[in-house]
Protein backbone atom coordinates (compact mmCIF):
# COMPACT_ATOMS: atom_id res chain seq x y z
CA UNK A 1 0.00 0.00 0.00
CA UNK A 2 1.36 3.43 -0.99
CA UNK A 3 0.70 5.00 2.39
CA UNK A 4 3.50 7.55 1.83
CA UNK A 5 1.26 9.28 -0.71
CA UNK A 6 -1.50 9.78 1.84
CA UNK A 7 -1.41 12.81 4.14
CA UNK A 8 -2.13 11.55 7.63
CA UNK A 9 -3.02 13.35 10.85
CA UNK A 10 -1.70 11.99 14.14
CA UNK A 11 -4.41 10.93 16.57
CA UNK A 12 -2.36 12.29 19.48
CA UNK A 13 -2.09 8.72 20.83
CA UNK A 14 1.27 7.31 19.63
CA UNK A 15 0.30 3.65 20.01
CA UNK A 16 -2.89 4.21 18.04
CA UNK A 17 -0.92 5.91 15.25
CA UNK A 18 1.33 2.85 15.06
CA UNK A 19 -1.56 0.52 14.24
CA UNK A 20 -3.04 2.76 11.51
CA UNK A 21 0.09 3.46 9.44
CA UNK A 22 0.89 6.72 11.19
CA UNK A 23 -2.46 8.43 11.55
CA UNK A 24 -5.88 9.29 10.12
CA UNK A 25 -5.94 10.12 6.38
CA UNK A 26 -6.74 13.79 5.87
CA UNK A 27 -10.40 14.51 5.17
CA UNK A 28 -11.71 11.31 6.75
CA UNK A 29 -14.89 11.03 8.79
CA UNK A 30 -14.12 8.79 11.78
CA UNK A 31 -16.82 7.23 13.94
CA UNK A 32 -15.88 6.58 17.58
CA UNK A 33 -18.45 4.21 19.03
CA UNK A 34 -19.02 2.67 22.43
CA UNK A 35 -20.96 2.98 25.64
CA UNK A 36 -20.44 5.85 28.12
CA UNK A 37 -17.16 5.73 30.02
CA UNK A 38 -15.26 3.73 27.41
CA UNK A 39 -12.81 6.51 26.46
CA UNK A 40 -14.33 8.22 23.42
CA UNK A 41 -14.21 11.79 24.75
CA UNK A 42 -10.62 11.43 25.92
CA UNK A 43 -9.63 10.15 22.46
CA UNK A 44 -11.26 13.28 21.04
CA UNK A 45 -9.28 15.49 23.43
CA UNK A 46 -6.04 13.81 22.29
CA UNK A 47 -7.01 14.40 18.65
CA UNK A 48 -7.62 18.11 19.19
CA UNK A 49 -4.52 18.55 21.38
CA UNK A 50 -2.38 17.11 18.58
CA UNK A 51 -4.07 19.45 16.12
CA UNK A 52 -3.14 22.44 18.27
CA UNK A 53 0.50 21.26 18.25
CA UNK A 54 0.37 20.82 14.47
CA UNK A 55 -1.16 24.31 13.91
CA UNK A 56 -4.39 22.88 12.54
CA UNK A 57 -7.63 24.83 12.93
CA UNK A 58 -9.47 23.00 15.71
CA UNK A 59 -13.17 22.93 16.57
CA UNK A 60 -14.74 20.87 19.35
CA UNK A 61 -18.54 20.55 19.49
CA UNK A 62 -19.75 19.25 22.86
CA UNK A 63 -23.35 18.16 23.35
CA UNK A 64 -23.24 16.13 26.57
CA UNK A 65 -20.85 18.24 28.66
CA UNK A 66 -20.29 21.97 28.98
CA UNK A 67 -17.33 23.66 27.33
CA UNK A 68 -15.82 24.27 30.78
CA UNK A 69 -16.05 20.55 31.55
CA UNK A 70 -14.10 19.68 28.39
CA UNK A 71 -11.44 22.25 29.31
CA UNK A 72 -11.13 20.74 32.81
CA UNK A 73 -10.87 17.21 31.44
CA UNK A 74 -8.10 18.26 29.08
CA UNK A 75 -6.24 19.88 31.97
CA UNK A 76 -6.23 16.51 33.78
CA UNK A 77 -4.00 15.27 30.98
CA UNK A 78 -1.77 18.38 30.96
CA UNK A 79 -3.49 19.80 27.89
CA UNK A 80 -4.19 23.53 28.01
CA UNK A 81 -7.34 24.18 25.98
CA UNK A 82 -7.87 27.60 27.61
CA UNK A 83 -4.57 28.87 26.19
CA UNK A 84 -5.41 27.47 22.75
CA UNK A 85 -8.75 29.28 22.80
CA UNK A 86 -7.05 32.57 23.76
CA UNK A 87 -4.57 32.12 20.91
CA UNK A 88 -7.41 31.47 18.41
CA UNK A 89 -6.24 27.93 17.75
CA UNK A 90 -9.36 26.28 19.16
CA UNK A 91 -13.06 27.03 19.33
CA UNK A 92 -15.34 24.97 21.56
CA UNK A 93 -18.99 25.06 20.48
CA UNK A 94 -21.20 24.41 23.49
CA UNK A 95 -24.41 22.68 22.43
CA UNK A 96 -25.39 21.69 25.96
CA UNK A 97 -25.62 24.87 28.01
CA UNK A 98 -27.07 27.21 25.39
CA UNK A 99 -26.61 30.79 26.52
CA UNK A 100 -25.80 33.92 24.59
CA UNK A 101 -22.17 33.22 23.76
CA UNK A 102 -21.19 33.39 20.10
CA UNK A 103 -20.09 29.76 20.35
CA UNK A 104 -23.25 28.37 21.92
CA UNK A 105 -25.64 26.29 19.88
CA UNK A 106 -29.23 27.28 20.56
CA UNK A 107 -30.88 24.18 19.09
CA UNK A 108 -29.85 20.61 18.34
CA UNK A 109 -30.59 20.48 14.64
CA UNK A 110 -28.23 19.60 11.81
CA UNK A 111 -28.56 22.89 9.91
CA UNK A 112 -27.70 24.97 12.98
CA UNK A 113 -24.74 22.69 13.72
CA UNK A 114 -23.29 22.99 10.21
CA UNK A 115 -23.78 26.77 10.12
CA UNK A 116 -22.01 27.19 13.47
CA UNK A 117 -19.10 24.94 12.45
CA UNK A 118 -18.57 26.90 9.24
CA UNK A 119 -18.77 30.18 11.19
CA UNK A 120 -16.08 28.87 13.55
CA UNK A 121 -13.86 27.74 10.68
CA UNK A 122 -14.06 31.19 9.12
CA UNK A 123 -13.10 32.73 12.47
CA UNK A 124 -10.07 30.45 12.75
CA UNK A 125 -8.94 31.09 9.20
CA UNK A 126 -7.80 29.13 6.16
CA UNK A 127 -5.99 25.82 6.51
CA UNK A 128 -6.17 22.18 7.48
CA UNK A 129 -8.79 21.64 10.13
CA UNK A 130 -9.85 19.13 12.78
CA UNK A 131 -13.42 18.80 13.98
CA UNK A 132 -14.81 16.83 16.90
CA UNK A 133 -18.55 16.32 17.40
CA UNK A 134 -19.05 14.72 20.81
CA UNK A 135 -21.59 13.32 20.48
CA UNK A 136 -23.30 13.20 17.11
CA UNK A 137 -26.01 10.98 18.63
CA UNK A 138 -27.54 14.05 20.30
CA UNK A 139 -28.77 15.32 16.92
CA UNK A 140 -31.08 12.35 16.31
CA UNK A 141 -32.07 11.15 19.77
CA UNK A 142 -35.74 11.54 18.86
CA UNK A 143 -35.26 10.04 15.39
CA UNK A 144 -32.39 7.49 15.50
CA UNK A 145 -33.34 5.99 12.17
CA UNK A 146 -32.14 9.22 10.51
CA UNK A 147 -28.55 8.75 11.73
CA UNK A 148 -27.18 7.52 8.43
CA UNK A 149 -28.82 10.26 6.37
CA UNK A 150 -27.72 13.03 8.77
CA UNK A 151 -24.15 11.71 8.91
CA UNK A 152 -23.92 11.63 5.13
CA UNK A 153 -25.17 15.23 4.86
CA UNK A 154 -22.68 16.41 7.44
CA UNK A 155 -19.77 14.61 5.78
CA UNK A 156 -20.67 15.86 2.29
CA UNK A 157 -21.09 19.51 3.26
CA UNK A 158 -18.03 19.80 5.52
CA UNK A 159 -15.59 17.92 3.28
CA UNK A 160 -14.85 21.00 1.17
CA UNK A 161 -13.85 22.92 4.33
CA UNK A 162 -10.80 20.66 4.78
CA UNK A 163 -12.06 19.00 7.95
CA UNK A 164 -10.88 15.69 9.31
CA UNK A 165 -13.73 14.67 11.58
CA UNK A 166 -14.09 12.66 14.78
CA UNK A 167 -17.75 11.96 15.59
CA UNK A 168 -18.71 9.99 18.67
CA UNK A 169 -21.85 7.90 18.99
CA UNK A 170 -22.96 5.45 21.60
CA UNK A 171 -25.43 2.86 22.66
CA UNK A 172 -26.88 2.56 26.16
CA UNK A 173 -25.92 -0.81 27.55
CA UNK A 174 -28.58 -0.52 30.28
CA UNK A 175 -31.51 -0.21 27.90
CA UNK A 176 -30.06 -1.84 24.76
CA UNK A 177 -31.06 1.27 22.85
CA UNK A 178 -28.89 2.05 19.82
CA UNK A 179 -28.19 5.69 19.01
CA UNK A 180 -27.03 6.02 15.46
CA UNK A 181 -27.12 2.75 13.58
CA UNK A 182 -26.02 3.62 10.06
CA UNK A 183 -23.27 6.11 10.95
CA UNK A 184 -20.68 3.38 10.45
CA UNK A 185 -21.72 2.88 6.83
CA UNK A 186 -20.94 6.53 6.13
CA UNK A 187 -17.71 6.66 8.15
CA UNK A 188 -14.29 6.23 6.54
CA UNK A 189 -13.00 4.72 9.77
CA UNK A 190 -14.41 3.13 12.92
CA UNK A 191 -12.73 3.17 16.33
CA UNK A 192 -14.68 0.80 18.57
CA UNK A 193 -14.42 1.37 22.33
CA UNK A 194 -15.70 -1.11 24.90
CA UNK A 195 -15.69 -1.42 28.67
CA UNK A 196 -16.15 -4.61 30.67
CA UNK A 197 -16.13 -5.34 34.39
CA UNK A 198 -14.15 -8.46 35.27
CA UNK A 199 -13.36 -9.58 38.81
CA UNK A 200 -14.79 -6.29 40.11
CA UNK A 201 -12.40 -4.25 37.96
CA UNK A 202 -13.18 -2.02 34.98
CA UNK A 203 -11.33 -2.90 31.76
CA UNK A 204 -11.40 -0.81 28.60
CA UNK A 205 -10.69 -1.93 25.04
CA UNK A 206 -10.15 -0.39 21.62
CA UNK A 207 -10.25 -1.92 18.17
CA UNK A 208 -9.82 -0.34 14.75
CA UNK A 209 -12.68 -1.99 12.91
CA UNK A 210 -12.41 0.03 9.72
CA UNK A 211 -9.93 2.48 8.19
CA UNK A 212 -10.02 3.05 4.47
CA UNK A 213 -6.71 3.46 2.59
CA UNK A 214 -4.95 1.90 5.59
CA UNK A 215 -3.50 -1.50 6.46
CA UNK A 216 -4.62 -1.31 10.06
CA UNK A 217 -4.09 -3.78 12.88
CA UNK A 218 -6.80 -6.46 13.16
CA UNK A 219 -6.24 -6.93 16.90
CA UNK A 220 -8.17 -5.91 19.98
CA UNK A 221 -6.15 -3.79 22.45
CA UNK A 222 -6.65 -3.19 26.14
CA UNK A 223 -6.27 0.46 27.08
CA UNK A 224 -6.19 2.48 30.28
CA UNK A 225 -6.87 6.11 31.18
CA UNK A 226 -4.06 7.62 33.24
CA UNK A 227 -4.03 11.03 34.93
CA UNK A 228 -1.48 13.31 33.33
CA UNK A 229 -1.25 11.10 30.22
CA UNK A 230 -4.71 10.19 28.96
CA UNK A 231 -5.22 7.01 26.95
CA UNK A 232 -2.40 4.49 27.29
CA UNK A 233 -2.18 1.16 25.46
CA UNK A 234 -1.59 -1.80 27.75
CA UNK A 235 -1.17 -4.23 24.85
CA UNK A 236 -2.96 -6.76 22.69
CA UNK A 237 -5.86 -8.24 24.57
CA UNK A 238 -6.08 -11.91 25.44
CA UNK A 239 -9.83 -11.59 25.08
CA UNK A 240 -11.47 -12.55 21.83
CA UNK A 241 -13.53 -9.90 20.13
CA UNK A 242 -16.52 -12.16 20.70
CA UNK A 243 -15.95 -12.01 24.46
CA UNK A 244 -16.64 -8.28 24.63
CA UNK A 245 -18.89 -7.82 21.64
CA UNK A 246 -22.41 -6.43 21.89
CA UNK A 247 -24.88 -8.59 23.82
CA UNK A 248 -27.49 -10.35 21.64
CA UNK A 249 -30.26 -8.09 22.98
CA UNK A 250 -28.33 -5.01 21.83
CA UNK A 251 -27.69 -6.49 18.40
CA UNK A 252 -31.41 -7.22 18.07
CA UNK A 253 -32.33 -3.62 18.93
CA UNK A 254 -29.79 -2.29 16.43
CA UNK A 255 -31.16 -4.48 13.66
CA UNK A 256 -34.68 -3.33 14.49
CA UNK A 257 -33.52 0.30 14.27
CA UNK A 258 -31.98 -0.44 10.88
CA UNK A 259 -35.29 -1.77 9.60
CA UNK A 260 -37.07 1.36 10.84
CA UNK A 261 -34.45 3.46 9.05
CA UNK A 262 -35.32 1.77 5.75
CA UNK A 263 -39.01 2.53 6.30
CA UNK A 264 -38.41 6.22 7.09
CA UNK A 265 -35.80 6.92 4.40
């Protein structure tokens, strides 16, 4: 594979870069999936932190936490988002708290989201850009069958603005409700996060399930979240993928959502 011809962006996690030929191909739409607490938001923080180092234009859309919460989380890993905002290297769009700030999103609809992202990109200026939407699921909570259509629209419109996109989505393990079946068909890459409790201890895992234009690792990796560092790879997991895959009840719900999607679209 002629990977040297592909411009790649570091994920900000060195061990992850190693298993995807050095980074994410520029312009890709990456889906980060998994239940709450599996590490998706921290992976997004790493991605943006690396973008700041690389002088990319960085935008972080947060829908489930406030902007201040994201800044505090980054600080736990010695990442200074406040300084980056002051230096006009980063804009955090707060879609949770609302308010009158220029970078608050007043409503959770796709058109408003796209308009605000483009406004932020213009404010940051011309150049290669990184975008995080954490989480994209928030924009179709009342209509999950529209996830695939909405994701395609977002990807198509923002591609010309030179964005490489991280978009998180999740399912609720407690209710077996899927939020966003269909996103993965649109995505150029899939980073699958999982968490499992074994012997009263929480274990987290990451697998690259899809990455176009990339000879990626086929293995499941155990990861940890460490104060001052963020996501750290422990190593290849001894678990089989089947051991931590979605429970049958979740798979059934997802398939049902897919059928509803066909009916609506």
